[in-house]
Amino acid sequence: MKTKSITEVFFREKPVSMLIQLKNASSPVYASVLAKQVDCTYSHVVKILQEMQKSGLVEFKKEGRLKILELTNKGRNIAKGMEGIKSSI
């Protein structure tokens, strides 16, 4: 299986939407909730989140059986930039 570079992952609509949703979240976000927000399957969202985690953009915080998603500072900065680019297009 070919591994995608992080650049290939981020210049697609769903990953950008996921970052922006996480940045603008006012309450804890779970992968299942994020999947509904960006109109994507849960398995696809988890796959993208794993790539984001490897790149240091998101963290999974475990609360019991639940995993809460949080942007890192790096992820927040990229989300702000992507949101600006998206609004300019």
N, C-alpha and C. Protein backbone atom coordinates (compact mmCIF):
# COMPACT_ATOMS: atom_id res chain seq x y z
N MET A 1 0.84 -1.18 0.00
CA MET A 1 0.00 0.00 0.00
C MET A 1 0.88 1.25 0.00
N LYS A 2 0.59 2.17 -0.87
CA LYS A 2 1.37 3.40 -0.99
C LYS A 2 1.03 4.36 0.14
N THR A 3 2.05 4.94 0.75
CA THR A 3 1.85 5.92 1.81
C THR A 3 1.78 7.30 1.18
N LYS A 4 0.76 8.06 1.54
CA LYS A 4 0.59 9.41 1.01
C LYS A 4 1.42 10.39 1.83
N SER A 5 1.93 11.41 1.15
CA SER A 5 2.61 12.46 1.90
C SER A 5 1.56 13.33 2.57
N ILE A 6 1.95 14.02 3.61
CA ILE A 6 1.00 14.87 4.34
C ILE A 6 0.45 15.97 3.43
N THR A 7 1.21 16.40 2.45
CA THR A 7 0.74 17.41 1.50
C THR A 7 -0.45 16.89 0.71
N GLU A 8 -0.38 15.64 0.26
CA GLU A 8 -1.49 15.05 -0.49
C GLU A 8 -2.76 14.96 0.36
N VAL A 9 -2.58 14.72 1.64
CA VAL A 9 -3.73 14.59 2.53
C VAL A 9 -4.42 15.94 2.74
N PHE A 10 -3.64 17.00 2.91
CA PHE A 10 -4.23 18.28 3.30
C PHE A 10 -4.78 19.12 2.18
N PHE A 11 -4.46 18.83 0.96
CA PHE A 11 -5.03 19.62 -0.11
C PHE A 11 -6.24 18.92 -0.70
N ARG A 12 -7.05 18.40 0.21
CA ARG A 12 -8.33 17.76 -0.13
C ARG A 12 -9.40 18.36 0.77
N GLU A 13 -10.61 18.34 0.30
CA GLU A 13 -11.71 19.02 0.99
C GLU A 13 -11.99 18.48 2.40
N LYS A 14 -12.10 17.18 2.54
CA LYS A 14 -12.49 16.60 3.85
C LYS A 14 -11.47 16.89 4.95
N PRO A 15 -10.17 16.65 4.72
CA PRO A 15 -9.21 16.96 5.79
C PRO A 15 -9.21 18.44 6.18
N VAL A 16 -9.34 19.32 5.21
CA VAL A 16 -9.38 20.75 5.51
C VAL A 16 -10.63 21.06 6.34
N SER A 17 -11.77 20.50 5.94
CA SER A 17 -13.01 20.71 6.70
C SER A 17 -12.89 20.17 8.11
N MET A 18 -12.22 19.03 8.27
CA MET A 18 -12.04 18.45 9.59
C MET A 18 -11.21 19.37 10.48
N LEU A 19 -10.12 19.89 9.96
CA LEU A 19 -9.28 20.81 10.74
C LEU A 19 -10.06 22.04 11.17
N ILE A 20 -10.81 22.61 10.25
CA ILE A 20 -11.58 23.82 10.54
C ILE A 20 -12.67 23.53 11.58
N GLN A 21 -13.35 22.39 11.46
CA GLN A 21 -14.37 22.01 12.44
C GLN A 21 -13.74 21.86 13.83
N LEU A 22 -12.58 21.23 13.90
CA LEU A 22 -11.91 21.06 15.19
C LEU A 22 -11.49 22.41 15.77
N LYS A 23 -11.01 23.30 14.92
CA LYS A 23 -10.58 24.62 15.38
C LYS A 23 -11.75 25.42 15.94
N ASN A 24 -12.90 25.32 15.30
CA ASN A 24 -14.06 26.12 15.68
C ASN A 24 -14.98 25.44 16.71
N ALA A 25 -14.62 24.27 17.17
CA ALA A 25 -15.47 23.52 18.10
C ALA A 25 -15.56 24.23 19.45
N SER A 26 -16.78 24.30 19.97
CA SER A 26 -17.00 24.93 21.28
C SER A 26 -17.19 23.88 22.38
N SER A 27 -17.25 22.61 21.99
CA SER A 27 -17.39 21.53 22.96
C SER A 27 -16.51 20.37 22.50
N PRO A 28 -16.30 19.37 23.34
CA PRO A 28 -15.44 18.24 22.95
C PRO A 28 -15.93 17.59 21.65
N VAL A 29 -14.97 17.17 20.82
CA VAL A 29 -15.30 16.56 19.54
C VAL A 29 -14.79 15.12 19.53
N TYR A 30 -15.64 14.23 19.06
CA TYR A 30 -15.30 12.82 18.91
C TYR A 30 -15.27 12.50 17.41
N ALA A 31 -14.58 11.46 17.03
CA ALA A 31 -14.47 11.10 15.62
C ALA A 31 -15.84 10.88 14.98
N SER A 32 -16.76 10.26 15.70
CA SER A 32 -18.09 9.99 15.13
C SER A 32 -18.85 11.29 14.86
N VAL A 33 -18.71 12.25 15.77
CA VAL A 33 -19.37 13.55 15.59
C VAL A 33 -18.73 14.29 14.42
N LEU A 34 -17.41 14.26 14.36
CA LEU A 34 -16.69 14.93 13.27
C LEU A 34 -17.08 14.33 11.92
N ALA A 35 -17.25 13.02 11.86
CA ALA A 35 -17.66 12.37 10.61
C ALA A 35 -19.00 12.91 10.12
N LYS A 36 -19.93 13.09 11.03
CA LYS A 36 -21.24 13.65 10.66
C LYS A 36 -21.12 15.10 10.21
N GLN A 37 -20.28 15.87 10.91
CA GLN A 37 -20.13 17.29 10.59
C GLN A 37 -19.55 17.51 9.20
N VAL A 38 -18.63 16.64 8.78
CA VAL A 38 -18.00 16.82 7.47
C VAL A 38 -18.58 15.89 6.40
N ASP A 39 -19.68 15.19 6.76
CA ASP A 39 -20.37 14.30 5.84
C ASP A 39 -19.42 13.26 5.23
N CYS A 40 -18.86 12.46 6.12
CA CYS A 40 -17.85 11.48 5.73
C CYS A 40 -18.06 10.22 6.56
N THR A 41 -17.56 9.10 6.09
CA THR A 41 -17.69 7.87 6.88
C THR A 41 -16.75 7.92 8.08
N TYR A 42 -17.15 7.23 9.13
CA TYR A 42 -16.34 7.17 10.35
C TYR A 42 -14.95 6.60 10.06
N SER A 43 -14.90 5.52 9.27
CA SER A 43 -13.61 4.88 9.00
C SER A 43 -12.67 5.81 8.23
N HIS A 44 -13.21 6.59 7.30
CA HIS A 44 -12.38 7.54 6.55
C HIS A 44 -11.86 8.64 7.47
N VAL A 45 -12.71 9.14 8.35
CA VAL A 45 -12.31 10.18 9.30
C VAL A 45 -11.19 9.66 10.21
N VAL A 46 -11.33 8.45 10.70
CA VAL A 46 -10.31 7.87 11.59
C VAL A 46 -8.98 7.74 10.85
N LYS A 47 -9.02 7.32 9.61
CA LYS A 47 -7.80 7.18 8.80
C LYS A 47 -7.11 8.54 8.64
N ILE A 48 -7.87 9.57 8.34
CA ILE A 48 -7.30 10.92 8.19
C ILE A 48 -6.77 11.42 9.52
N LEU A 49 -7.51 11.18 10.60
CA LEU A 49 -7.07 11.62 11.93
C LEU A 49 -5.76 10.94 12.33
N GLN A 50 -5.58 9.69 11.96
CA GLN A 50 -4.33 8.99 12.27
C GLN A 50 -3.16 9.64 11.54
N GLU A 51 -3.37 10.05 10.29
CA GLU A 51 -2.32 10.76 9.55
C GLU A 51 -2.02 12.11 10.20
N MET A 52 -3.07 12.80 10.64
CA MET A 52 -2.89 14.08 11.32
C MET A 52 -2.14 13.91 12.63
N GLN A 53 -2.44 12.83 13.34
CA GLN A 53 -1.75 12.56 14.61
C GLN A 53 -0.27 12.29 14.36
N LYS A 54 0.04 11.50 13.34
CA LYS A 54 1.44 11.21 13.00
C LYS A 54 2.21 12.48 12.67
N SER A 55 1.51 13.46 12.10
CA SER A 55 2.14 14.73 11.72
C SER A 55 2.13 15.75 12.84
N GLY A 56 1.59 15.38 14.00
CA GLY A 56 1.59 16.27 15.14
C GLY A 56 0.55 17.37 15.09
N LEU A 57 -0.56 17.13 14.40
CA LEU A 57 -1.60 18.15 14.26
C LEU A 57 -2.77 17.94 15.21
N VAL A 58 -3.05 16.71 15.57
CA VAL A 58 -4.14 16.41 16.51
C VAL A 58 -3.64 15.46 17.58
N GLU A 59 -4.33 15.49 18.70
CA GLU A 59 -4.07 14.56 19.80
C GLU A 59 -5.38 13.89 20.17
N PHE A 60 -5.29 12.66 20.62
CA PHE A 60 -6.44 11.94 21.14
C PHE A 60 -6.32 11.93 22.65
N LYS A 61 -7.30 12.48 23.34
CA LYS A 61 -7.34 12.47 24.80
C LYS A 61 -8.36 11.43 25.22
N LYS A 62 -7.93 10.45 25.98
CA LYS A 62 -8.83 9.37 26.38
C LYS A 62 -9.58 9.74 27.65
N GLU A 63 -10.89 9.62 27.60
CA GLU A 63 -11.77 9.83 28.76
C GLU A 63 -12.64 8.59 28.88
N GLY A 64 -12.22 7.66 29.72
CA GLY A 64 -12.94 6.40 29.80
C GLY A 64 -12.82 5.66 28.49
N ARG A 65 -13.97 5.32 27.88
CA ARG A 65 -13.95 4.63 26.59
C ARG A 65 -13.91 5.61 25.42
N LEU A 66 -14.09 6.88 25.69
CA LEU A 66 -14.16 7.89 24.63
C LEU A 66 -12.80 8.51 24.33
N LYS A 67 -12.61 8.86 23.07
CA LYS A 67 -11.40 9.58 22.67
C LYS A 67 -11.82 10.96 22.17
N ILE A 68 -11.38 11.98 22.89
CA ILE A 68 -11.67 13.36 22.50
C ILE A 68 -10.55 13.84 21.60
N LEU A 69 -10.92 14.54 20.54
CA LEU A 69 -9.94 15.08 19.60
C LEU A 69 -9.59 16.50 19.97
N GLU A 70 -8.31 16.82 19.92
CA GLU A 70 -7.85 18.19 20.17
C GLU A 70 -6.76 18.53 19.18
N LEU A 71 -6.81 19.77 18.69
CA LEU A 71 -5.74 20.25 17.82
C LEU A 71 -4.53 20.61 18.67
N THR A 72 -3.35 20.35 18.14
CA THR A 72 -2.13 20.83 18.77
C THR A 72 -1.94 22.28 18.33
N ASN A 73 -0.95 22.96 18.86
CA ASN A 73 -0.68 24.33 18.40
C ASN A 73 -0.37 24.35 16.91
N LYS A 74 0.41 23.38 16.47
CA LYS A 74 0.73 23.27 15.04
C LYS A 74 -0.55 23.08 14.22
N GLY A 75 -1.43 22.20 14.68
CA GLY A 75 -2.69 21.95 13.99
C GLY A 75 -3.59 23.17 13.96
N ARG A 76 -3.63 23.90 15.06
CA ARG A 76 -4.44 25.12 15.14
C ARG A 76 -3.92 26.17 14.14
N ASN A 77 -2.60 26.32 14.06
CA ASN A 77 -2.02 27.29 13.12
C ASN A 77 -2.33 26.91 11.68
N ILE A 78 -2.22 25.64 11.36
CA ILE A 78 -2.53 25.20 10.00
C ILE A 78 -4.02 25.38 9.71
N ALA A 79 -4.88 25.08 10.68
CA ALA A 79 -6.33 25.25 10.49
C ALA A 79 -6.67 26.71 10.22
N LYS A 80 -6.04 27.63 10.96
CA LYS A 80 -6.27 29.06 10.72
C LYS A 80 -5.87 29.44 9.31
N GLY A 81 -4.71 28.96 8.88
CA GLY A 81 -4.25 29.25 7.52
C GLY A 81 -5.17 28.68 6.46
N MET A 82 -5.58 27.44 6.65
CA MET A 82 -6.48 26.80 5.69
C MET A 82 -7.84 27.50 5.64
N GLU A 83 -8.32 27.94 6.80
CA GLU A 83 -9.60 28.65 6.85
C GLU A 83 -9.49 29.95 6.06
N GLY A 84 -8.36 30.64 6.20
CA GLY A 84 -8.14 31.87 5.45
C GLY A 84 -8.08 31.61 3.95
N ILE A 85 -7.38 30.57 3.57
CA ILE A 85 -7.28 30.22 2.15
C ILE A 85 -8.66 29.83 1.61
N LYS A 86 -9.39 29.03 2.37
CA LYS A 86 -10.72 28.58 1.93
C LYS A 86 -11.68 29.75 1.74
N SER A 87 -11.61 30.74 2.64
CA SER A 87 -12.50 31.89 2.51
C SER A 87 -12.09 32.81 1.36
N SER A 88 -10.83 32.71 0.92
CA SER A 88 -10.35 33.53 -0.19
C SER A 88 -10.72 32.95 -1.55
N ILE A 89 -11.03 31.67 -1.55
CA ILE A 89 -11.30 31.00 -2.84
C ILE A 89 -12.73 31.22 -3.28
